Amino acid sequence: MLICFFIVFLQLQLKTTKKQTMLEYVDRQGSNCFKWDCPDVQGNLPLWVADMDFKAAQPIIDALQERLNHGVFGYTQVPAHYYEVVSKWFSTRHRWHTITQQNIIYTIGVVPAISAVLRAMKKDTTRVLMFTPAYNCFFSSVRNLECQLIESPLLCVNNHFEIDWNDIEHKIKEVDVFLLCNPHNPTGRVWTSEELSRLAQLCNQYNVFVISDEIHCDIVFPQNSYIPYATISHNDNFCSCISASKAFNIAGLQCANIFVPNKEIYERIDKAVNIHEVCDINPFGMVAQMAAYEKSGDWLDEMNEFIFSQYDFLCHFIADNMPEMKVTIMEGTYLGWVDISQYLNENICSSAIFCEQLAKTEHVLFNPSEMYGGHNYIRINMATSRDNLKCALEKMQHFVENI
């Protein structure tokens, strides 16, 4: 009896130890990473660029090591198993059952994917509607393709961002494309089935093509669920851009997929991807994505738990020490969105100046909301160690106490 108890105890200890060590913080300084090593960063604590300071899941590292040991890194053919892995992940994890090899186009990243799709769908005058604030590369993609941008500002209601349906229903009648971010960067919204269904109904009614950027889909907090746009769309007049890059911290390996259910639109997008030479992924990106989806679910679960604990810490620290700031009620992503309006004054009159002065005096880097078409907010990357987050917040507290 005593031996059996000891064995069970030992198994629990081993399981706990494994869980505690699965997520490993790495000091990235000196590794030529943009977040820590670009010239403007040196000497600062950077909680800005949207990648993580955690080592990738061990199955990903093992798969990359095996591929590295092969020693030849020529052009890569994507095998049928690649599509099977992607399909199984989304079917099992998110109840999205329609992904096949015939409706997936692989490419080097979600931003190139969005640009290629816009090129494929472009008319003489293409009007693109999107929620703001929005991921900054949305603006550049629309602008670089000489499309007309139409913004629909989200409403902040009781510290929670919501869709302004009156605004959307008015503007959507006049546009060609709706550029959706699901989950939403930078507000941390995870759109509900009801919200997406209503949006899909409007896009269907006015024949608006939807591009759904779903790169943050696997970073979702408890009590919330990511709903793939593909599972609620009222037609096939859309595409979804997906990648393991954000959730598994493999963005530098450059691998993404475009789901296109309509055959004619698929051919147009595939042509744009090839014309603009974003059609060849590197062998490491493909291998990493397959290992992420096939073998790294436990790592992802632990990472999500940690990010939620970081968000909880962020909320409590600000409430206790900078109560006039407000942390947006988040539902996903690892990017905190914080209202600093009560700390602005005639000398520090914008979030851009706030971040500039914070970097100058306290050597902490956050993103100002002006980058995303917003005002009076800062974006804080929580995908780092607790010590780094705590240090950055303490420095911000010192800064606001001396404004």
Protein backbone atom coordinates (compact mmCIF):
# COMPACT_ATOMS: atom_id res chain seq x y z
CA MET A 1 0.00 0.00 0.00
CA LEU A 2 2.81 2.37 0.97
CA ILE A 3 4.69 1.53 -2.24
CA CYS A 4 1.60 2.26 -4.36
CA PHE A 5 1.14 5.60 -2.60
CA PHE A 6 4.79 6.48 -3.22
CA ILE A 7 4.50 5.62 -6.94
CA VAL A 8 1.40 7.81 -7.33
CA PHE A 9 3.10 10.63 -5.43
CA LEU A 10 6.19 10.35 -7.63
CA GLN A 11 4.08 10.42 -10.81
CA LEU A 12 2.31 13.57 -9.63
CA GLN A 13 5.62 15.20 -8.80
CA LEU A 14 7.04 14.36 -12.22
CA LYS A 15 3.91 15.69 -13.92
CA THR A 16 4.08 18.92 -11.90
CA THR A 17 7.78 19.33 -12.63
CA LYS A 18 7.19 18.84 -16.33
CA LYS A 19 4.38 21.41 -16.31
CA GLN A 20 6.52 23.96 -14.47
CA THR A 21 9.47 23.65 -16.82
CA MET A 22 7.66 23.41 -20.16
CA LEU A 23 7.57 27.20 -20.59
CA GLU A 24 11.13 28.54 -20.46
CA TYR A 25 12.08 32.21 -20.47
CA VAL A 26 15.15 33.05 -22.54
CA ASP A 27 17.38 36.12 -22.38
CA ARG A 28 17.33 37.10 -26.04
CA GLN A 29 19.85 39.93 -25.92
CA GLY A 30 22.69 39.41 -28.37
CA SER A 31 20.70 37.03 -30.60
CA ASN A 32 19.99 39.66 -33.29
CA CYS A 33 16.30 39.69 -32.45
CA PHE A 34 14.50 42.87 -33.42
CA LYS A 35 12.68 43.16 -30.11
CA TRP A 36 15.83 43.30 -27.95
CA ASP A 37 18.75 44.11 -30.26
CA CYS A 38 17.79 46.82 -32.74
CA PRO A 39 19.80 50.03 -32.16
CA ASP A 40 16.90 51.98 -30.64
CA VAL A 41 16.32 49.28 -28.01
CA GLN A 42 19.73 48.78 -26.44
CA GLY A 43 19.65 49.72 -22.77
CA ASN A 44 15.85 49.56 -22.64
CA LEU A 45 13.37 46.97 -21.39
CA PRO A 46 11.24 46.18 -24.47
CA LEU A 47 7.65 45.06 -24.02
CA TRP A 48 6.60 46.07 -27.48
CA VAL A 49 7.24 43.89 -30.61
CA ALA A 50 4.67 41.08 -30.76
CA ASP A 51 6.75 37.99 -30.22
CA MET A 52 7.49 36.04 -27.03
CA ASP A 53 10.55 35.69 -24.85
CA PHE A 54 9.89 31.97 -24.38
CA LYS A 55 11.76 29.07 -25.94
CA ALA A 56 9.66 27.19 -28.48
CA ALA A 57 8.07 23.90 -27.48
CA GLN A 58 10.55 21.03 -27.32
CA PRO A 59 8.84 19.02 -30.09
CA ILE A 60 9.37 22.00 -32.41
CA ILE A 61 13.04 22.25 -31.46
CA ASP A 62 13.50 18.49 -31.92
CA ALA A 63 11.85 18.56 -35.34
CA LEU A 64 14.01 21.49 -36.43
CA GLN A 65 17.15 19.77 -35.14
CA GLU A 66 16.32 16.63 -37.11
CA ARG A 67 15.81 18.72 -40.25
CA LEU A 68 19.04 20.63 -39.55
CA ASN A 69 21.00 17.38 -39.24
CA HIS A 70 19.96 16.50 -42.78
CA GLY A 71 22.34 19.22 -43.91
CA VAL A 72 20.71 20.20 -47.21
CA PHE A 73 18.41 23.20 -47.32
CA GLY A 74 17.22 23.49 -50.90
CA TYR A 75 13.79 24.29 -52.24
CA THR A 76 10.98 22.64 -50.32
CA GLN A 77 7.99 20.64 -51.46
CA VAL A 78 5.05 20.77 -49.10
CA PRO A 79 3.80 17.20 -48.49
CA ALA A 80 0.18 16.09 -48.24
CA HIS A 81 0.75 15.40 -44.54
CA TYR A 82 1.24 19.14 -43.98
CA TYR A 83 -2.36 19.85 -44.98
CA GLU A 84 -3.60 16.90 -42.91
CA VAL A 85 -1.87 18.30 -39.82
CA VAL A 86 -3.31 21.79 -40.30
CA SER A 87 -6.78 20.37 -40.94
CA LYS A 88 -6.69 18.09 -37.89
CA TRP A 89 -5.56 20.89 -35.58
CA PHE A 90 -8.40 23.21 -36.51
CA SER A 91 -10.96 20.42 -36.66
CA THR A 92 -10.03 19.01 -33.25
CA ARG A 93 -9.22 22.24 -31.47
CA HIS A 94 -11.73 24.65 -33.01
CA ARG A 95 -14.44 22.53 -34.70
CA TRP A 96 -13.50 23.86 -38.12
CA HIS A 97 -13.94 20.84 -40.36
CA THR A 98 -13.65 22.20 -43.91
CA ILE A 99 -9.88 22.68 -44.36
CA THR A 100 -8.45 20.49 -47.13
CA GLN A 101 -5.41 20.50 -49.38
CA GLN A 102 -7.61 21.87 -52.16
CA ASN A 103 -8.57 25.08 -50.31
CA ILE A 104 -5.28 26.01 -48.59
CA ILE A 105 -2.59 28.21 -50.10
CA TYR A 106 0.66 28.29 -48.15
CA THR A 107 2.76 31.45 -48.03
CA ILE A 108 5.48 33.14 -45.97
CA GLY A 109 3.34 35.08 -43.51
CA VAL A 110 -0.08 36.50 -42.71
CA VAL A 111 0.81 40.08 -43.69
CA PRO A 112 2.09 39.01 -47.16
CA ALA A 113 -1.05 36.88 -47.39
CA ILE A 114 -3.31 39.87 -46.72
CA SER A 115 -1.46 41.96 -49.29
CA ALA A 116 -1.68 39.19 -51.87
CA VAL A 117 -5.41 38.78 -51.25
CA LEU A 118 -5.99 42.52 -51.60
CA ARG A 119 -4.09 42.45 -54.89
CA ALA A 120 -6.20 39.54 -56.10
CA MET A 121 -9.48 41.25 -55.17
CA LYS A 122 -8.49 44.75 -56.25
CA LYS A 123 -10.72 46.71 -58.60
CA ASP A 124 -10.20 50.15 -60.11
CA THR A 125 -11.25 51.62 -56.79
CA THR A 126 -11.22 49.20 -53.88
CA ARG A 127 -12.68 50.40 -50.60
CA VAL A 128 -11.55 48.50 -47.53
CA LEU A 129 -13.41 48.72 -44.23
CA MET A 130 -11.85 47.71 -40.91
CA PHE A 131 -12.28 48.22 -37.20
CA THR A 132 -9.97 50.69 -35.50
CA PRO A 133 -7.75 50.67 -33.58
CA ALA A 134 -6.16 48.03 -35.79
CA TYR A 135 -2.91 46.16 -36.28
CA ASN A 136 -0.56 48.70 -37.86
CA CYS A 137 0.33 46.56 -40.89
CA PHE A 138 -3.32 46.64 -41.97
CA PHE A 139 -2.90 50.34 -42.67
CA SER A 140 0.27 49.86 -44.69
CA SER A 141 -1.16 46.96 -46.73
CA VAL A 142 -4.21 49.00 -47.70
CA ARG A 143 -2.16 52.12 -48.40
CA ASN A 144 0.58 50.35 -50.42
CA LEU A 145 -2.02 48.80 -52.69
CA GLU A 146 -3.64 52.20 -53.22
CA CYS A 147 -6.97 51.08 -51.82
CA GLN A 148 -9.28 53.47 -50.02
CA LEU A 149 -9.38 52.87 -46.27
CA ILE A 150 -12.63 53.34 -44.38
CA GLU A 151 -12.44 53.06 -40.60
CA SER A 152 -15.12 51.95 -38.18
CA PRO A 153 -13.96 52.91 -34.68
CA LEU A 154 -14.80 50.37 -31.99
CA LEU A 155 -16.71 51.61 -28.98
CA CYS A 156 -15.27 51.29 -25.49
CA VAL A 157 -18.19 50.41 -23.21
CA ASN A 158 -17.39 49.84 -19.54
CA ASN A 159 -13.75 49.22 -20.44
CA HIS A 160 -14.70 46.62 -23.06
CA PHE A 161 -14.45 47.19 -26.81
CA GLU A 162 -17.58 46.58 -28.85
CA ILE A 163 -18.70 46.98 -32.45
CA ASP A 164 -20.54 50.15 -33.38
CA TRP A 165 -23.27 48.44 -35.37
CA ASN A 166 -24.90 51.68 -36.51
CA ASP A 167 -21.59 52.78 -38.00
CA ILE A 168 -20.89 49.42 -39.63
CA GLU A 169 -24.36 49.12 -41.13
CA HIS A 170 -23.98 52.57 -42.64
CA LYS A 171 -20.47 52.14 -44.06
CA ILE A 172 -20.56 48.55 -45.24
CA LYS A 173 -22.97 49.44 -48.03
CA GLU A 174 -20.19 51.37 -49.77
CA VAL A 175 -17.19 49.01 -49.48
CA ASP A 176 -15.71 46.07 -51.37
CA VAL A 177 -13.62 44.35 -48.69
CA PHE A 178 -13.91 43.96 -44.94
CA LEU A 179 -10.55 43.35 -43.24
CA LEU A 180 -11.25 41.55 -39.97
CA CYS A 181 -8.87 40.68 -37.13
CA ASN A 182 -10.23 37.69 -35.17
CA PRO A 183 -9.16 37.71 -32.33
CA HIS A 184 -8.57 41.43 -32.44
CA ASN A 185 -5.19 43.10 -32.13
CA PRO A 186 -4.75 45.40 -30.22
CA THR A 187 -7.91 45.42 -28.07
CA GLY A 188 -7.79 41.74 -27.13
CA ARG A 189 -11.37 41.08 -28.20
CA VAL A 190 -12.33 37.52 -29.13
CA TRP A 191 -15.39 38.04 -31.28
CA THR A 192 -18.45 35.99 -30.31
CA SER A 193 -20.44 33.76 -32.62
CA GLU A 194 -23.30 36.28 -32.49
CA GLU A 195 -21.04 39.20 -33.48
CA LEU A 196 -19.42 37.29 -36.33
CA SER A 197 -22.75 36.00 -37.59
CA ARG A 198 -24.21 39.49 -37.69
CA LEU A 199 -21.12 40.79 -39.48
CA ALA A 200 -21.21 37.90 -41.96
CA GLN A 201 -24.87 38.57 -42.67
CA LEU A 202 -24.13 42.21 -43.50
CA CYS A 203 -21.18 41.30 -45.72
CA ASN A 204 -23.31 38.75 -47.52
CA GLN A 205 -26.14 41.25 -47.97
CA TYR A 206 -23.88 43.83 -49.60
CA ASN A 207 -21.54 41.40 -51.40
CA VAL A 208 -18.49 42.42 -49.37
CA PHE A 209 -15.46 40.13 -49.48
CA VAL A 210 -14.07 39.31 -46.02
CA ILE A 211 -10.38 38.82 -45.22
CA SER A 212 -10.17 37.35 -41.74
CA ASP A 213 -6.74 37.55 -40.07
CA GLU A 214 -6.87 34.79 -37.44
CA ILE A 215 -3.20 34.66 -36.46
CA HIS A 216 -3.98 35.07 -32.72
CA CYS A 217 -6.64 32.36 -32.74
CA ASP A 218 -4.85 29.99 -30.33
CA ILE A 219 -4.22 32.61 -27.63
CA VAL A 220 -7.56 32.80 -25.85
CA PHE A 221 -8.36 33.32 -22.17
CA PRO A 222 -10.59 31.07 -20.02
CA GLN A 223 -14.35 31.41 -20.55
CA ASN A 224 -13.78 32.61 -24.12
CA SER A 225 -13.75 30.68 -27.40
CA TYR A 226 -12.24 31.54 -30.75
CA ILE A 227 -14.85 31.13 -33.49
CA PRO A 228 -13.37 30.67 -36.98
CA TYR A 229 -15.06 33.02 -39.42
CA ALA A 230 -15.28 30.07 -41.81
CA THR A 231 -17.64 28.24 -39.46
CA ILE A 232 -20.25 30.99 -39.40
CA SER A 233 -19.94 32.61 -42.85
CA HIS A 234 -23.14 32.75 -44.85
CA ASN A 235 -21.32 32.14 -48.15
CA ASP A 236 -17.85 31.44 -49.58
CA ASN A 237 -17.04 35.07 -50.35
CA PHE A 238 -14.16 35.23 -47.88
CA CYS A 239 -10.74 33.91 -46.98
CA SER A 240 -9.05 33.23 -43.63
CA CYS A 241 -5.35 33.79 -42.93
CA ILE A 242 -3.94 31.41 -40.31
CA SER A 243 -0.55 30.54 -38.88
CA ALA A 244 1.08 28.88 -35.87
CA SER A 245 3.57 31.73 -35.70
CA LYS A 246 2.13 33.87 -32.88
CA ALA A 247 0.86 31.14 -30.58
CA PHE A 248 4.00 29.00 -30.81
CA ASN A 249 6.57 31.83 -31.12
CA ILE A 250 7.91 30.80 -34.51
CA ALA A 251 7.16 33.97 -36.48
CA GLY A 252 10.74 34.30 -37.74
CA LEU A 253 10.40 30.99 -39.60
CA GLN A 254 7.81 32.56 -41.90
CA CYS A 255 5.03 30.11 -42.66
CA ALA A 256 1.30 30.79 -43.00
CA ASN A 257 -1.80 29.55 -44.80
CA ILE A 258 -4.71 31.14 -46.64
CA PHE A 259 -8.00 29.23 -46.51
CA VAL A 260 -10.05 30.00 -49.64
CA PRO A 261 -13.29 28.00 -50.07
CA ASN A 262 -14.32 29.52 -53.41
CA LYS A 263 -12.48 27.90 -56.35
CA GLU A 264 -12.49 30.97 -58.61
CA ILE A 265 -11.24 33.24 -55.81
CA TYR A 266 -8.68 30.58 -54.85
CA GLU A 267 -7.18 30.73 -58.34
CA ARG A 268 -7.01 34.53 -58.25
CA ILE A 269 -5.30 34.57 -54.85
CA ASP A 270 -2.95 31.73 -55.80
CA LYS A 271 -1.92 33.70 -58.88
CA ALA A 272 -1.24 36.84 -56.79
CA VAL A 273 0.82 34.84 -54.28
CA ASN A 274 2.95 33.45 -57.11
CA ILE A 275 3.27 36.69 -59.08
CA HIS A 276 4.61 38.48 -56.03
CA GLU A 277 6.93 35.60 -55.09
CA VAL A 278 5.59 34.87 -51.61
CA CYS A 279 4.82 31.29 -52.56
CA ASP A 280 7.96 29.48 -51.37
CA ILE A 281 8.19 28.74 -47.65
CA ASN A 282 11.46 27.65 -46.13
CA PRO A 283 11.85 24.06 -44.91
CA PHE A 284 12.18 25.08 -41.26
CA GLY A 285 8.91 26.99 -41.25
CA MET A 286 7.00 24.03 -42.60
CA VAL A 287 8.64 21.59 -40.16
CA ALA A 288 8.03 23.91 -37.19
CA GLN A 289 4.38 24.43 -38.01
CA MET A 290 3.77 20.71 -38.36
CA ALA A 291 5.49 19.98 -35.03
CA ALA A 292 3.49 22.78 -33.38
CA TYR A 293 0.13 21.48 -34.51
CA GLU A 294 0.96 17.78 -34.10
CA LYS A 295 2.92 17.63 -30.86
CA SER A 296 2.88 20.94 -28.97
CA GLY A 297 -0.67 21.37 -27.69
CA ASP A 298 0.36 20.90 -24.04
CA TRP A 299 2.95 23.66 -24.37
CA LEU A 300 0.30 25.96 -25.84
CA ASP A 301 -2.10 25.23 -22.99
CA GLU A 302 0.53 26.11 -20.41
CA MET A 303 1.52 29.24 -22.31
CA ASN A 304 -2.10 30.40 -22.35
CA GLU A 305 -2.40 29.81 -18.61
CA PHE A 306 0.73 31.87 -18.01
CA ILE A 307 -0.38 34.73 -20.25
CA PHE A 308 -3.70 34.87 -18.42
CA SER A 309 -1.80 35.05 -15.11
CA GLN A 310 0.29 37.88 -16.58
CA TYR A 311 -2.88 39.71 -17.53
CA ASP A 312 -4.27 39.19 -14.02
CA PHE A 313 -1.01 40.55 -12.56
CA LEU A 314 -1.13 43.55 -14.92
CA CYS A 315 -4.71 44.36 -13.88
CA HIS A 316 -3.99 44.13 -10.16
CA PHE A 317 -0.73 46.06 -10.30
CA ILE A 318 -2.29 48.95 -12.21
CA ALA A 319 -5.41 48.98 -10.03
CA ASP A 320 -3.27 49.08 -6.88
CA ASN A 321 -0.60 51.53 -8.04
CA MET A 322 -1.92 53.56 -10.98
CA PRO A 323 -5.69 53.44 -10.44
CA GLU A 324 -6.45 56.17 -12.94
CA MET A 325 -5.19 53.87 -15.70
CA LYS A 326 -7.63 51.30 -17.01
CA VAL A 327 -6.68 47.92 -18.44
CA THR A 328 -9.06 46.91 -21.20
CA ILE A 329 -11.10 43.80 -20.47
CA MET A 330 -9.25 41.28 -22.61
CA GLU A 331 -10.35 37.90 -23.93
CA GLY A 332 -7.26 36.83 -25.87
CA THR A 333 -3.82 37.64 -27.34
CA TYR A 334 -0.80 38.49 -25.16
CA LEU A 335 -1.02 42.22 -25.81
CA GLY A 336 -2.41 44.37 -23.00
CA TRP A 337 -4.30 47.50 -24.07
CA VAL A 338 -4.21 50.18 -21.37
CA ASP A 339 -6.04 53.52 -21.20
CA ILE A 340 -3.60 56.21 -19.98
CA SER A 341 -5.78 59.23 -20.76
CA GLN A 342 -6.01 60.37 -17.13
CA TYR A 343 -2.22 60.70 -17.01
CA LEU A 344 -1.95 62.93 -20.06
CA ASN A 345 -1.52 66.68 -19.72
CA GLU A 346 -0.44 69.73 -21.71
CA ASN A 347 3.18 68.54 -21.79
CA ILE A 348 2.48 64.85 -22.37
CA CYS A 349 -0.56 65.18 -24.56
CA SER A 350 -0.58 61.87 -26.44
CA SER A 351 0.30 58.23 -25.92
CA ALA A 352 3.15 58.67 -28.42
CA ILE A 353 4.77 61.36 -26.25
CA PHE A 354 4.00 59.30 -23.13
CA CYS A 355 5.90 56.33 -24.58
CA GLU A 356 8.72 58.54 -25.83
CA GLN A 357 9.24 60.12 -22.41
CA LEU A 358 8.86 56.79 -20.62
CA ALA A 359 11.64 55.35 -22.77
CA LYS A 360 13.83 58.39 -22.24
CA THR A 361 13.52 58.51 -18.45
CA GLU A 362 12.77 54.92 -17.40
CA HIS A 363 14.12 52.94 -20.37
CA VAL A 364 10.92 50.95 -20.94
CA LEU A 365 9.40 50.44 -24.38
CA PHE A 366 5.65 50.12 -24.97
CA ASN A 367 3.70 50.81 -28.17
CA PRO A 368 1.62 54.01 -28.40
CA SER A 369 -1.93 53.70 -29.71
CA GLU A 370 -1.25 56.15 -32.56
CA MET A 371 0.50 53.23 -34.30
CA TYR A 372 -2.86 51.50 -34.48
CA GLY A 373 -5.09 54.42 -35.38
CA GLY A 374 -6.10 55.01 -31.77
CA HIS A 375 -5.56 57.58 -29.05
CA ASN A 376 -4.72 57.60 -25.34
CA TYR A 377 -3.77 53.92 -25.04
CA ILE A 378 -0.55 51.96 -24.80
CA ARG A 379 0.05 48.35 -25.87
CA ILE A 380 2.05 46.13 -23.49
CA ASN A 381 3.50 42.80 -24.59
CA MET A 382 2.92 40.41 -21.68
CA ALA A 383 4.70 37.44 -23.29
CA THR A 384 7.81 37.80 -21.19
CA SER A 385 8.92 36.87 -17.68
CA ARG A 386 6.97 38.00 -14.62
CA ASP A 387 10.10 39.83 -13.45
CA ASN A 388 10.29 41.80 -16.70
CA LEU A 389 6.60 42.71 -16.57
CA LYS A 390 6.83 43.73 -12.91
CA CYS A 391 9.96 45.80 -13.53
CA ALA A 392 8.38 47.58 -16.51
CA LEU A 393 5.24 48.40 -14.53
CA GLU A 394 7.25 49.65 -11.55
CA LYS A 395 9.18 51.93 -13.88
CA MET A 396 5.95 53.22 -15.39
CA GLN A 397 4.59 53.83 -11.90
CA HIS A 398 7.69 55.89 -11.07
CA PHE A 399 7.26 57.79 -14.33
CA VAL A 400 3.60 58.74 -13.76
CA GLU A 401 4.28 59.74 -10.15
CA ASN A 402 6.73 62.32 -11.46
CA ILE A 403 4.77 63.68 -14.40
